[in-house]
Amino acid sequence: MRNVLIVAFLAFNVGMPLRYYLGDEPYDERFAWRMFSPVRMVRCDVALYGADGRALPLSRMLHVVWINLLKRARLQVLEAYAAHYCAGEVAAGRPAVLEAELTCPPPDGPERGICRRGLQDLDRDGIPDGFNDARECEGQAPQACFKAACGEQSASACFEQTCRGTLVARGTNLCEGAAP
């Protein structure tokens, strides 16, 4: 019986993280092996907008812990807050409108040449400095690596497309049951 419990314990501890690796939520690492993961360091830009279209003051509406979870792309927190906020607006007789914008770097962003140092070009060669020593560029000149990563795009267009992914785009009212 003891051996069965040990095997079950080990199977659970190996199997749980597989949900992360086989799933489709790269920012939710709660049950992953994350010793060397760059996702923990990802910081997203979060903004919430009310019925009048103005940005809502997150620091006055949410505890800092919840704001930090939003900045780590936890969509479950956004869904739960939207339900709470919308119920409060309806109860107060106000129009229930909540829009969100959540923009995050990709989990592997720190390893990509274009994302490593942004658009910084201290050596003035026309190529962002992140390509000078990026792993993806081993054995290549920075210019060739930039061309392979960005094609014919400008550095700023490549940076926006590659390093700033929009997880939740503004324009959808979360109070109407739209999932982020």
Protein backbone atom coordinates (compact mmCIF):
# COMPACT_ATOMS: atom_id res chain seq x y z
CA MET A 1 0.00 0.00 0.00
CA ARG A 2 2.84 2.38 0.85
CA ASN A 3 4.41 1.85 -2.57
CA VAL A 4 1.12 2.68 -4.28
CA LEU A 5 0.94 5.98 -2.37
CA ILE A 6 4.52 6.83 -3.29
CA VAL A 7 3.90 6.08 -6.97
CA ALA A 8 0.66 8.11 -6.91
CA PHE A 9 2.45 11.05 -5.26
CA LEU A 10 5.27 11.00 -7.80
CA ALA A 11 2.86 10.62 -10.74
CA PHE A 12 0.86 13.63 -9.53
CA ASN A 13 3.98 15.78 -9.12
CA VAL A 14 5.23 14.89 -12.58
CA GLY A 15 1.82 15.03 -14.25
CA MET A 16 0.56 18.38 -12.91
CA PRO A 17 3.21 20.48 -14.66
CA LEU A 18 2.40 18.79 -17.97
CA ARG A 19 -0.87 20.78 -18.01
CA TYR A 20 1.23 23.91 -18.46
CA TYR A 21 3.55 22.47 -21.09
CA LEU A 22 0.76 20.88 -23.12
CA GLY A 23 -1.77 23.70 -22.56
CA ASP A 24 -2.27 27.01 -24.30
CA GLU A 25 -1.69 29.56 -21.49
CA PRO A 26 2.02 30.40 -21.58
CA TYR A 27 1.73 33.05 -18.85
CA ASP A 28 0.08 30.84 -16.20
CA GLU A 29 2.91 28.87 -14.62
CA ARG A 30 1.31 28.02 -11.30
CA PHE A 31 1.83 24.29 -11.76
CA ALA A 32 4.92 24.28 -13.99
CA TRP A 33 8.56 23.51 -13.35
CA ARG A 34 9.75 27.09 -13.38
CA MET A 35 13.24 27.09 -11.97
CA PHE A 36 14.72 28.64 -15.13
CA SER A 37 11.59 30.21 -16.55
CA PRO A 38 11.60 33.75 -17.95
CA VAL A 39 7.80 34.03 -17.59
CA ARG A 40 8.02 35.00 -13.91
CA MET A 41 9.83 38.18 -14.94
CA VAL A 42 7.28 39.18 -17.60
CA ARG A 43 5.53 42.44 -16.81
CA CYS A 44 2.49 43.38 -18.85
CA ASP A 45 0.91 46.79 -19.33
CA VAL A 46 -2.65 46.82 -17.96
CA ALA A 47 -5.35 49.44 -18.36
CA LEU A 48 -9.06 49.32 -17.55
CA TYR A 49 -11.60 51.75 -19.00
CA GLY A 50 -15.06 52.67 -17.73
CA ALA A 51 -18.26 53.80 -19.45
CA ASP A 52 -16.91 57.28 -20.17
CA GLY A 53 -13.84 55.85 -21.92
CA ARG A 54 -11.40 57.17 -19.34
CA ALA A 55 -8.80 54.95 -17.73
CA LEU A 56 -9.80 53.68 -14.31
CA PRO A 57 -7.33 54.18 -11.43
CA LEU A 58 -6.19 50.62 -10.76
CA SER A 59 -4.41 51.49 -7.52
CA ARG A 60 -7.64 52.84 -6.01
CA MET A 61 -9.80 49.96 -7.19
CA LEU A 62 -7.63 46.89 -6.67
CA HIS A 63 -5.18 45.68 -4.07
CA VAL A 64 -1.56 45.71 -5.24
CA VAL A 65 -1.47 41.89 -5.22
CA TRP A 66 -4.30 41.73 -7.79
CA ILE A 67 -2.67 44.42 -9.92
CA ASN A 68 0.57 42.44 -9.92
CA LEU A 69 -1.32 39.30 -10.96
CA LEU A 70 -2.89 41.26 -13.83
CA LYS A 71 0.59 42.43 -14.82
CA ARG A 72 1.57 38.77 -15.00
CA ALA A 73 -1.24 38.12 -17.51
CA ARG A 74 -3.54 36.17 -15.20
CA LEU A 75 -6.74 36.34 -17.22
CA GLN A 76 -8.69 34.62 -14.42
CA VAL A 77 -8.10 37.69 -12.25
CA LEU A 78 -9.39 39.98 -15.01
CA GLU A 79 -12.50 37.81 -15.47
CA ALA A 80 -13.25 37.78 -11.74
CA TYR A 81 -12.71 41.52 -11.37
CA ALA A 82 -14.90 42.23 -14.41
CA ALA A 83 -17.75 40.23 -12.86
CA HIS A 84 -17.36 42.11 -9.55
CA TYR A 85 -17.08 45.54 -11.18
CA CYS A 86 -19.99 45.02 -13.54
CA ALA A 87 -22.27 43.76 -10.76
CA GLY A 88 -21.43 46.87 -8.74
CA GLU A 89 -22.19 49.18 -11.65
CA VAL A 90 -25.56 47.50 -12.29
CA ALA A 91 -26.45 47.65 -8.58
CA ALA A 92 -25.60 51.37 -8.54
CA GLY A 93 -27.80 52.01 -11.61
CA ARG A 94 -24.88 53.04 -13.81
CA PRO A 95 -24.10 51.67 -17.26
CA ALA A 96 -22.04 48.51 -16.90
CA VAL A 97 -19.10 49.05 -19.20
CA LEU A 98 -15.61 47.74 -18.59
CA GLU A 99 -12.97 47.53 -21.28
CA ALA A 100 -9.46 46.23 -20.76
CA GLU A 101 -6.17 46.41 -22.58
CA LEU A 102 -3.46 43.91 -21.67
CA THR A 103 -0.19 44.01 -23.61
CA CYS A 104 2.66 41.67 -22.73
CA PRO A 105 6.07 40.71 -24.01
CA PRO A 106 6.32 37.09 -25.15
CA PRO A 107 7.57 34.61 -22.54
CA ASP A 108 10.76 34.05 -24.54
CA GLY A 109 11.24 37.80 -25.15
CA PRO A 110 14.47 38.17 -23.16
CA GLU A 111 16.11 35.64 -25.46
CA ARG A 112 15.10 37.35 -28.71
CA GLY A 113 17.58 39.82 -30.15
CA ILE A 114 15.01 42.50 -30.93
CA CYS A 115 13.50 42.32 -27.43
CA ARG A 116 16.70 42.12 -25.35
CA ARG A 117 17.63 45.79 -25.27
CA GLY A 118 14.76 47.33 -27.16
CA LEU A 119 15.72 49.69 -29.94
CA GLN A 120 19.01 50.74 -28.31
CA ASP A 121 21.77 51.15 -30.93
CA LEU A 122 24.84 52.46 -29.12
CA ASP A 123 27.27 51.27 -31.80
CA ARG A 124 25.21 53.13 -34.44
CA ASP A 125 25.29 50.34 -37.00
CA GLY A 126 21.55 50.56 -37.67
CA ILE A 127 20.87 47.24 -35.92
CA PRO A 128 19.49 47.08 -32.35
CA ASP A 129 22.23 46.09 -29.91
CA GLY A 130 20.33 43.03 -28.69
CA PHE A 131 21.45 41.24 -31.87
CA ASN A 132 25.14 41.63 -31.00
CA ASP A 133 25.16 38.76 -28.50
CA ALA A 134 21.76 37.04 -28.73
CA ARG A 135 21.70 33.23 -28.61
CA GLU A 136 19.65 33.14 -31.78
CA CYS A 137 22.53 34.89 -33.57
CA GLU A 138 25.38 32.51 -32.77
CA GLY A 139 27.66 32.28 -35.78
CA GLN A 140 25.92 35.13 -37.61
CA ALA A 141 26.69 38.77 -38.07
CA PRO A 142 24.19 41.04 -36.26
CA GLN A 143 22.93 42.37 -39.61
CA ALA A 144 22.18 38.85 -40.90
CA CYS A 145 20.50 37.91 -37.65
CA PHE A 146 18.34 41.06 -37.72
CA LYS A 147 17.35 40.30 -41.31
CA ALA A 148 16.44 36.70 -40.37
CA ALA A 149 14.37 37.82 -37.36
CA CYS A 150 12.67 40.90 -38.81
CA GLY A 151 12.78 40.54 -42.58
CA GLU A 152 12.25 43.85 -44.32
CA GLN A 153 10.56 45.52 -41.33
CA SER A 154 12.04 48.51 -39.60
CA ALA A 155 13.48 47.92 -36.15
CA SER A 156 10.57 49.73 -34.47
CA ALA A 157 7.92 47.77 -36.42
CA CYS A 158 9.69 44.49 -35.67
CA PHE A 159 9.92 45.41 -31.97
CA GLU A 160 6.19 46.19 -31.74
CA GLN A 161 5.18 43.03 -33.57
CA THR A 162 7.62 40.68 -31.83
CA CYS A 163 7.97 42.08 -28.33
CA ARG A 164 4.56 43.51 -27.47
CA GLY A 165 1.73 41.01 -27.87
CA THR A 166 -1.81 42.16 -27.13
CA LEU A 167 -3.59 39.54 -25.03
CA VAL A 168 -6.73 41.62 -24.47
CA ALA A 169 -7.54 44.38 -26.93
CA ARG A 170 -9.59 47.41 -25.98
CA GLY A 171 -13.02 47.67 -27.54
CA THR A 172 -14.87 44.72 -26.00
CA ASN A 173 -17.21 45.34 -23.08
CA LEU A 174 -16.33 42.70 -20.49
CA CYS A 175 -19.66 43.36 -18.74
CA GLU A 176 -21.52 41.82 -21.66
CA GLY A 177 -20.07 38.42 -20.86
CA ALA A 178 -17.16 38.65 -23.28
CA ALA A 179 -14.25 36.64 -21.99
CA PRO A 180 -10.90 38.41 -22.14
